[in-house]
Amino acid sequence: MRPQGLGIDILEIKRFNSFGKSRDNRFLLNNYSKREIDYCFSFKNPAPHLAGTFAAKEAVFKTLGRNDILFSLIEIRRNKNGKPEAWIKNRRQKSILISISHTAKIAAAIAIKL
């Protein structure tokens, strides 16, 4: 099976440190779903998870190669095993595979559209 799209994004986690205390930040509300915010803030330090989720959303956006999908309509959900999945307009995108990783300083994500 030949991939139809590929996207990758890398972010510095420190850019997300300031969001660690408030879920009501305009940036978060404009770029993350409630489910994504709840997931990220379920951790003691939400910054790596916010950065990883944002990187995954950006990677999915790049994978699609289209401008007719709003960034805010892309949602990264985790299945019961914790594996990230791409959802667009509340529909799971089974043809898009995602991997997210982070160190103490960097978060990265890749998305492949099959």
C-alpha atoms as a PDB file:
ATOM      1  CA  MET A   1       0.000   0.000   0.000  1.00  0.00           C
ATOM      2  CA  ARG A   2       1.461   3.311  -1.068  1.00  0.00           C
ATOM      3  CA  PRO A   3       1.100   6.321   1.271  1.00  0.00           C
ATOM      4  CA  GLN A   4      -1.024   9.172  -0.074  1.00  0.00           C
ATOM      5  CA  GLY A   5       0.198  11.785   2.360  1.00  0.00           C
ATOM      6  CA  LEU A   6       2.850  12.389   4.983  1.00  0.00           C
ATOM      7  CA  GLY A   7       3.154  15.087   7.622  1.00  0.00           C
ATOM      8  CA  ILE A   8       5.566  15.747  10.461  1.00  0.00           C
ATOM      9  CA  ASP A   9       5.848  18.463  13.088  1.00  0.00           C
ATOM     10  CA  ILE A  10       8.376  19.207  15.826  1.00  0.00           C
ATOM     11  CA  LEU A  11       7.852  21.704  18.665  1.00  0.00           C
ATOM     12  CA  GLU A  12       9.709  22.979  21.693  1.00  0.00           C
ATOM     13  CA  ILE A  13       7.742  22.039  24.805  1.00  0.00           C
ATOM     14  CA  LYS A  14       8.751  25.233  26.624  1.00  0.00           C
ATOM     15  CA  ARG A  15       6.371  27.143  24.317  1.00  0.00           C
ATOM     16  CA  PHE A  16       3.522  25.320  26.096  1.00  0.00           C
ATOM     17  CA  ASN A  17       4.737  25.726  29.700  1.00  0.00           C
ATOM     18  CA  SER A  18       2.699  28.882  30.251  1.00  0.00           C
ATOM     19  CA  PHE A  19      -0.539  26.964  29.611  1.00  0.00           C
ATOM     20  CA  GLY A  20       0.090  24.575  32.494  1.00  0.00           C
ATOM     21  CA  LYS A  21      -1.998  26.531  34.964  1.00  0.00           C
ATOM     22  CA  SER A  22      -5.080  27.526  33.004  1.00  0.00           C
ATOM     23  CA  ARG A  23      -7.412  25.649  30.706  1.00  0.00           C
ATOM     24  CA  ASP A  24      -9.151  28.911  29.803  1.00  0.00           C
ATOM     25  CA  ASN A  25      -6.369  30.328  27.649  1.00  0.00           C
ATOM     26  CA  ARG A  26      -7.624  31.661  24.306  1.00  0.00           C
ATOM     27  CA  PHE A  27      -4.967  29.736  22.368  1.00  0.00           C
ATOM     28  CA  LEU A  28      -6.058  26.460  23.954  1.00  0.00           C
ATOM     29  CA  LEU A  29      -9.755  27.130  23.419  1.00  0.00           C
ATOM     30  CA  ASN A  30      -9.178  28.039  19.760  1.00  0.00           C
ATOM     31  CA  ASN A  31      -6.891  25.119  18.900  1.00  0.00           C
ATOM     32  CA  TYR A  32      -7.881  22.189  21.116  1.00  0.00           C
ATOM     33  CA  SER A  33     -11.137  20.352  21.689  1.00  0.00           C
ATOM     34  CA  LYS A  34     -12.483  19.924  25.214  1.00  0.00           C
ATOM     35  CA  ARG A  35     -11.510  16.241  25.002  1.00  0.00           C
ATOM     36  CA  GLU A  36      -7.920  17.154  24.061  1.00  0.00           C
ATOM     37  CA  ILE A  37      -7.658  19.721  26.856  1.00  0.00           C
ATOM     38  CA  ASP A  38      -9.051  17.236  29.396  1.00  0.00           C
ATOM     39  CA  TYR A  39      -6.549  14.600  28.255  1.00  0.00           C
ATOM     40  CA  CYS A  40      -3.538  16.925  28.433  1.00  0.00           C
ATOM     41  CA  PHE A  41      -4.528  18.372  31.814  1.00  0.00           C
ATOM     42  CA  SER A  42      -4.998  14.878  33.267  1.00  0.00           C
ATOM     43  CA  PHE A  43      -1.195  14.820  33.615  1.00  0.00           C
ATOM     44  CA  LYS A  44       0.765  16.627  36.328  1.00  0.00           C
ATOM     45  CA  ASN A  45       2.634  18.543  33.633  1.00  0.00           C
ATOM     46  CA  PRO A  46       0.317  19.115  30.653  1.00  0.00           C
ATOM     47  CA  ALA A  47       2.932  20.959  28.517  1.00  0.00           C
ATOM     48  CA  PRO A  48       4.496  17.882  26.821  1.00  0.00           C
ATOM     49  CA  HIS A  49       1.041  16.515  26.051  1.00  0.00           C
ATOM     50  CA  LEU A  50      -0.233  19.846  24.751  1.00  0.00           C
ATOM     51  CA  ALA A  51       2.845  20.107  22.521  1.00  0.00           C
ATOM     52  CA  GLY A  52       2.555  16.502  21.316  1.00  0.00           C
ATOM     53  CA  THR A  53      -1.143  16.861  20.570  1.00  0.00           C
ATOM     54  CA  PHE A  54      -0.568  20.132  18.718  1.00  0.00           C
ATOM     55  CA  ALA A  55       2.268  18.545  16.713  1.00  0.00           C
ATOM     56  CA  ALA A  56      -0.025  15.628  15.813  1.00  0.00           C
ATOM     57  CA  LYS A  57      -2.803  17.981  14.700  1.00  0.00           C
ATOM     58  CA  GLU A  58      -0.289  19.885  12.558  1.00  0.00           C
ATOM     59  CA  ALA A  59       1.084  16.623  11.093  1.00  0.00           C
ATOM     60  CA  VAL A  60      -2.439  15.484  10.194  1.00  0.00           C
ATOM     61  CA  PHE A  61      -3.157  18.876   8.621  1.00  0.00           C
ATOM     62  CA  LYS A  62       0.008  18.586   6.518  1.00  0.00           C
ATOM     63  CA  THR A  63      -0.830  14.991   5.591  1.00  0.00           C
ATOM     64  CA  LEU A  64      -4.173  16.020   4.154  1.00  0.00           C
ATOM     65  CA  GLY A  65      -2.558  18.571   1.855  1.00  0.00           C
ATOM     66  CA  ARG A  66      -5.815  20.519   1.722  1.00  0.00           C
ATOM     67  CA  ASN A  67      -6.858  23.949   2.876  1.00  0.00           C
ATOM     68  CA  ASP A  68     -10.564  23.192   3.163  1.00  0.00           C
ATOM     69  CA  ILE A  69     -10.205  21.445   6.552  1.00  0.00           C
ATOM     70  CA  LEU A  70      -9.977  23.878   9.448  1.00  0.00           C
ATOM     71  CA  PHE A  71      -7.231  23.106  11.938  1.00  0.00           C
ATOM     72  CA  SER A  72      -9.778  23.330  14.763  1.00  0.00           C
ATOM     73  CA  LEU A  73     -11.794  20.461  13.196  1.00  0.00           C
ATOM     74  CA  ILE A  74      -8.870  18.056  13.570  1.00  0.00           C
ATOM     75  CA  GLU A  75      -8.962  16.231  16.881  1.00  0.00           C
ATOM     76  CA  ILE A  76      -6.422  13.811  18.325  1.00  0.00           C
ATOM     77  CA  ARG A  77      -8.072  11.187  20.490  1.00  0.00           C
ATOM     78  CA  ARG A  78      -6.553   8.218  22.286  1.00  0.00           C
ATOM     79  CA  ASN A  79      -8.131   4.789  22.006  1.00  0.00           C
ATOM     80  CA  LYS A  80      -8.559   2.524  25.038  1.00  0.00           C
ATOM     81  CA  ASN A  81      -4.911   1.443  24.699  1.00  0.00           C
ATOM     82  CA  GLY A  82      -3.643   5.030  24.562  1.00  0.00           C
ATOM     83  CA  LYS A  83      -2.861   4.985  20.825  1.00  0.00           C
ATOM     84  CA  PRO A  84      -3.474   8.366  19.170  1.00  0.00           C
ATOM     85  CA  GLU A  85      -6.110   8.535  16.437  1.00  0.00           C
ATOM     86  CA  ALA A  86      -7.059  11.312  14.027  1.00  0.00           C
ATOM     87  CA  TRP A  87     -10.665  12.492  14.035  1.00  0.00           C
ATOM     88  CA  ILE A  88     -12.036  15.110  11.665  1.00  0.00           C
ATOM     89  CA  LYS A  89     -15.509  16.556  12.180  1.00  0.00           C
ATOM     90  CA  ASN A  90     -16.173  13.849  14.814  1.00  0.00           C
ATOM     91  CA  ARG A  91     -15.324  11.022  12.394  1.00  0.00           C
ATOM     92  CA  ARG A  92     -12.378   8.719  12.944  1.00  0.00           C
ATOM     93  CA  GLN A  93      -9.927   8.770  10.058  1.00  0.00           C
ATOM     94  CA  LYS A  94      -8.928   5.099   9.825  1.00  0.00           C
ATOM     95  CA  SER A  95      -6.642   5.813   6.859  1.00  0.00           C
ATOM     96  CA  ILE A  96      -4.426   8.173   8.906  1.00  0.00           C
ATOM     97  CA  LEU A  97      -1.825   6.693  11.230  1.00  0.00           C
ATOM     98  CA  ILE A  98      -0.221   8.873  13.926  1.00  0.00           C
ATOM     99  CA  SER A  99       2.782   8.563  16.194  1.00  0.00           C
ATOM    100  CA  ILE A 100       3.652  11.090  18.914  1.00  0.00           C
ATOM    101  CA  SER A 101       6.851  11.250  20.944  1.00  0.00           C
ATOM    102  CA  HIS A 102       8.554  13.702  23.255  1.00  0.00           C
ATOM    103  CA  THR A 103      11.666  14.272  25.298  1.00  0.00           C
ATOM    104  CA  ALA A 104      12.013  16.779  28.113  1.00  0.00           C
ATOM    105  CA  LYS A 105      12.445  19.573  25.556  1.00  0.00           C
ATOM    106  CA  ILE A 106      10.955  18.500  22.215  1.00  0.00           C
ATOM    107  CA  ALA A 107       7.640  17.014  21.060  1.00  0.00           C
ATOM    108  CA  ALA A 108       7.269  15.467  17.636  1.00  0.00           C
ATOM    109  CA  ALA A 109       4.525  13.783  15.659  1.00  0.00           C
ATOM    110  CA  ILE A 110       4.191  12.108  12.312  1.00  0.00           C
ATOM    111  CA  ALA A 111       1.050  11.282  10.371  1.00  0.00           C
ATOM    112  CA  ILE A 112       0.732   9.024   7.338  1.00  0.00           C
ATOM    113  CA  LYS A 113      -2.353   8.837   5.142  1.00  0.00           C
ATOM    114  CA  LEU A 114      -2.741   5.432   3.543  1.00  0.00           C
END
